[in-house]
């Protein structure tokens, strides 16, 4: 069972496979573009404004060694206690956490030294709502808000949430919006829900859990 827990695709291997935590402390005004690229890698996008370069980076900020060990160990313990049913919630949550979760916009002067740094971790907005304001609410209110918002916006918000918040949201969905079958890895969406909510759940369960919605 230990080997099964450590195989590719489980929460433990996902967290252990994430890169070391990036050192963002040195990325300040005056730092060279070369130093920035050495730390953050190639930018997702580069443009030039009035002869000055601007890089936009989107990346996994990484995890320090101590946190990796603790989270990996907790996942292993939970796997054994639940006969690996924990993976249904934990693995998708860790996969989302391992995606691009930090966005930085850096502008350089004509000598290609850092001029401005704009950190945008999870700073998405939709009308009067933002991911920050949604994350600060209860799990039930998070779900209610997501049902009314675009799939793109919800996906961006899910990237910016902690693994605990994602696990709580998944738990809420699976416990209250239908019936999960862990033997067949399916989720039967409740027939009592409105069509719009059913459509949202089909998309959500397909993308953020290991279950197949039906």
Protein backbone atom coordinates (compact mmCIF):
# COMPACT_ATOMS: atom_id res chain seq x y z
CA UNK A 1 0.00 0.00 0.00
CA UNK A 2 2.91 2.34 0.66
CA UNK A 3 4.07 1.93 -2.93
CA UNK A 4 0.55 2.66 -4.18
CA UNK A 5 0.46 5.88 -2.17
CA UNK A 6 3.71 7.02 -3.71
CA UNK A 7 2.86 6.26 -7.33
CA UNK A 8 2.36 9.00 -9.87
CA UNK A 9 -0.99 10.74 -9.65
CA UNK A 10 -1.59 10.83 -5.91
CA UNK A 11 -1.66 13.85 -3.63
CA UNK A 12 1.61 12.89 -1.95
CA UNK A 13 3.61 12.63 -5.18
CA UNK A 14 2.05 15.87 -6.46
CA UNK A 15 3.11 17.93 -3.45
CA UNK A 16 6.57 16.32 -3.36
CA UNK A 17 7.02 17.02 -7.06
CA UNK A 18 6.47 20.77 -6.75
CA UNK A 19 9.50 23.05 -7.18
CA UNK A 20 11.36 24.63 -4.24
CA UNK A 21 9.87 27.90 -3.02
CA UNK A 22 11.07 30.77 -5.21
CA UNK A 23 13.05 33.59 -3.65
CA UNK A 24 11.07 36.72 -4.50
CA UNK A 25 12.76 38.92 -1.92
CA UNK A 26 15.51 40.01 -4.31
CA UNK A 27 13.18 41.05 -7.11
CA UNK A 28 13.05 44.74 -6.33
CA UNK A 29 13.70 48.05 -8.07
CA UNK A 30 17.19 48.11 -9.57
CA UNK A 31 17.62 44.36 -9.99
CA UNK A 32 18.75 43.29 -13.44
CA UNK A 33 16.42 41.55 -15.88
CA UNK A 34 18.96 38.72 -16.06
CA UNK A 35 18.62 38.11 -12.31
CA UNK A 36 14.82 38.11 -12.62
CA UNK A 37 14.87 35.57 -15.46
CA UNK A 38 17.34 33.38 -13.55
CA UNK A 39 14.94 33.21 -10.60
CA UNK A 40 11.56 33.10 -12.36
CA UNK A 41 12.41 31.54 -15.71
CA UNK A 42 11.03 32.67 -19.06
CA UNK A 43 8.10 35.10 -18.88
CA UNK A 44 4.67 34.07 -20.11
CA UNK A 45 4.52 37.25 -22.16
CA UNK A 46 6.81 40.17 -23.00
CA UNK A 47 5.90 43.51 -24.56
CA UNK A 48 7.60 46.84 -25.07
CA UNK A 49 6.17 50.20 -23.98
CA UNK A 50 7.98 53.40 -25.00
CA UNK A 51 11.22 51.50 -25.46
CA UNK A 52 10.97 49.75 -22.07
CA UNK A 53 10.40 46.02 -21.67
CA UNK A 54 7.58 44.60 -19.56
CA UNK A 55 7.50 40.91 -18.56
CA UNK A 56 4.45 39.08 -17.26
CA UNK A 57 5.24 35.92 -15.29
CA UNK A 58 2.80 33.19 -14.28
CA UNK A 59 4.21 30.34 -12.24
CA UNK A 60 3.98 27.98 -9.29
CA UNK A 61 5.64 29.86 -6.44
CA UNK A 62 6.81 26.52 -5.02
CA UNK A 63 6.81 24.99 -1.55
CA UNK A 64 9.55 24.86 1.06
CA UNK A 65 10.92 21.50 2.14
CA UNK A 66 9.32 21.46 5.57
CA UNK A 67 5.84 22.13 4.24
CA UNK A 68 6.29 19.49 1.53
CA UNK A 69 7.17 16.86 4.12
CA UNK A 70 4.29 17.71 6.46
CA UNK A 71 1.66 17.83 3.72
CA UNK A 72 2.97 14.67 2.09
CA UNK A 73 2.89 12.84 5.41
CA UNK A 74 -0.65 14.04 6.18
CA UNK A 75 -1.84 12.80 2.79
CA UNK A 76 -0.25 9.39 3.40
CA UNK A 77 -1.90 9.05 6.81
CA UNK A 78 -5.27 10.11 5.40
CA UNK A 79 -4.88 7.62 2.53
CA UNK A 80 -4.37 4.72 4.93
CA UNK A 81 -7.20 5.78 7.24
CA UNK A 82 -9.69 6.13 4.37
CA UNK A 83 -8.38 3.27 2.19
CA UNK A 84 -7.31 5.89 -0.37
CA UNK A 85 -10.74 7.53 -0.68
CA UNK A 86 -8.99 10.71 0.54
CA UNK A 87 -7.40 10.93 -2.93
CA UNK A 88 -10.77 11.80 -4.49
CA UNK A 89 -10.59 15.20 -2.80
CA UNK A 90 -6.88 15.64 -2.06
CA UNK A 91 -5.35 14.85 -5.44
CA UNK A 92 -7.40 17.36 -7.47
CA UNK A 93 -6.77 19.97 -4.77
CA UNK A 94 -3.00 19.45 -4.94
CA UNK A 95 -3.03 19.46 -8.75
CA UNK A 96 -4.75 22.84 -8.75
CA UNK A 97 -2.33 24.16 -6.12
CA UNK A 98 0.60 23.05 -8.29
CA UNK A 99 -0.58 25.10 -11.27
CA UNK A 100 0.32 28.75 -11.92
CA UNK A 101 -0.64 30.40 -8.63
CA UNK A 102 1.42 33.60 -8.70
CA UNK A 103 1.37 36.34 -11.33
CA UNK A 104 3.93 39.15 -11.47
CA UNK A 105 4.15 42.07 -13.89
CA UNK A 106 7.63 43.60 -14.06
CA UNK A 107 8.60 46.73 -16.00
CA UNK A 108 12.26 47.57 -16.73
CA UNK A 109 14.01 50.83 -17.54
CA UNK A 110 15.99 51.28 -20.75
CA UNK A 111 19.02 49.65 -19.09
CA UNK A 112 16.84 46.58 -18.38
CA UNK A 113 16.88 47.04 -14.63
CA UNK A 114 13.66 46.57 -12.67
CA UNK A 115 11.57 49.73 -12.57
CA UNK A 116 8.26 48.49 -11.10
CA UNK A 117 7.02 45.18 -9.70
CA UNK A 118 3.32 44.42 -9.52
CA UNK A 119 2.40 41.22 -7.67
CA UNK A 120 -0.96 39.78 -8.67
CA UNK A 121 -1.46 36.43 -6.86
CA UNK A 122 -5.02 35.39 -7.62
CA UNK A 123 -6.10 38.97 -8.28
CA UNK A 124 -9.00 38.20 -10.59
CA UNK A 125 -12.27 40.09 -10.53
CA UNK A 126 -15.74 39.78 -12.02
CA UNK A 127 -17.94 42.84 -11.68
CA UNK A 128 -18.07 43.79 -8.00
CA UNK A 129 -16.70 40.39 -6.92
CA UNK A 130 -13.06 39.41 -6.61
CA UNK A 131 -11.38 36.13 -5.76
CA UNK A 132 -10.09 37.72 -2.56
CA UNK A 133 -13.59 38.61 -1.38
CA UNK A 134 -14.97 35.18 -2.31
CA UNK A 135 -12.16 33.36 -0.50
CA UNK A 136 -12.98 35.31 2.67
CA UNK A 137 -16.56 33.94 2.80
CA UNK A 138 -17.94 30.60 3.97
CA UNK A 139 -17.76 27.47 1.81
CA UNK A 140 -21.51 27.68 1.11
CA UNK A 141 -21.24 31.30 -0.04
CA UNK A 142 -18.22 30.47 -2.20
CA UNK A 143 -20.26 27.81 -3.97
CA UNK A 144 -23.25 30.12 -4.42
CA UNK A 145 -21.02 32.81 -5.93
CA UNK A 146 -19.28 30.38 -8.28
CA UNK A 147 -22.62 29.15 -9.63
CA UNK A 148 -23.35 32.66 -10.94
CA UNK A 149 -19.91 33.41 -12.42
CA UNK A 150 -18.09 32.48 -15.60
CA UNK A 151 -16.20 29.20 -15.80
CA UNK A 152 -12.97 31.10 -16.57
CA UNK A 153 -13.35 33.25 -13.46
CA UNK A 154 -14.15 30.24 -11.25
CA UNK A 155 -11.14 28.35 -12.59
CA UNK A 156 -8.87 31.31 -11.82
CA UNK A 157 -10.28 31.60 -8.31
CA UNK A 158 -9.80 27.89 -7.67
CA UNK A 159 -6.11 28.30 -8.54
CA UNK A 160 -5.75 31.04 -5.93
CA UNK A 161 -7.48 29.13 -3.09
CA UNK A 162 -5.58 27.13 -0.49
CA UNK A 163 -5.69 23.34 -0.65
CA UNK A 164 -7.83 23.38 2.50
CA UNK A 165 -10.37 25.73 0.93
CA UNK A 166 -10.58 23.60 -2.19
CA UNK A 167 -10.99 20.43 -0.15
CA UNK A 168 -13.78 22.05 1.88
CA UNK A 169 -15.55 23.22 -1.28
CA UNK A 170 -15.27 19.78 -2.87
CA UNK A 171 -16.58 18.20 0.31
CA UNK A 172 -19.56 20.57 0.31
CA UNK A 173 -20.39 19.78 -3.32
CA UNK A 174 -20.09 16.01 -2.95
CA UNK A 175 -22.07 15.91 0.30
CA UNK A 176 -24.97 18.20 -0.62
CA UNK A 177 -25.41 18.35 -4.38
CA UNK A 178 -25.82 14.70 -5.29
CA UNK A 179 -24.56 11.22 -4.48
CA UNK A 180 -20.96 10.08 -4.84
CA UNK A 181 -20.14 6.46 -5.63
CA UNK A 182 -16.54 5.71 -4.71
CA UNK A 183 -16.71 2.20 -6.13
CA UNK A 184 -17.53 3.41 -9.64
CA UNK A 185 -15.95 6.87 -9.22
CA UNK A 186 -19.13 8.63 -10.32
CA UNK A 187 -21.17 11.50 -8.96
CA UNK A 188 -24.91 11.53 -9.60
CA UNK A 189 -26.10 15.14 -9.68
CA UNK A 190 -29.32 15.74 -7.77
CA UNK A 191 -32.42 15.92 -9.97
CA UNK A 192 -33.90 18.54 -7.65
CA UNK A 193 -31.53 21.25 -8.85
CA UNK A 194 -32.18 23.85 -11.56
CA UNK A 195 -30.65 23.22 -14.98
CA UNK A 196 -28.14 26.07 -14.66
CA UNK A 197 -26.80 24.63 -11.40
CA UNK A 198 -26.69 21.13 -12.88
CA UNK A 199 -24.63 22.44 -15.79
CA UNK A 200 -22.24 24.15 -13.39
CA UNK A 201 -21.89 20.99 -11.28
CA UNK A 202 -21.18 18.86 -14.33
CA UNK A 203 -18.33 21.22 -15.25
CA UNK A 204 -17.08 21.56 -11.67
CA UNK A 205 -17.03 17.85 -10.83
CA UNK A 206 -15.36 17.05 -14.17
CA UNK A 207 -12.57 19.57 -13.58
CA UNK A 208 -11.96 19.59 -9.82
CA UNK A 209 -12.63 16.06 -8.59
CA UNK A 210 -11.67 12.55 -9.72
CA UNK A 211 -15.33 11.59 -10.14
CA UNK A 212 -17.33 11.40 -13.36
CA UNK A 213 -20.58 13.43 -13.18
CA UNK A 214 -23.77 11.75 -14.35
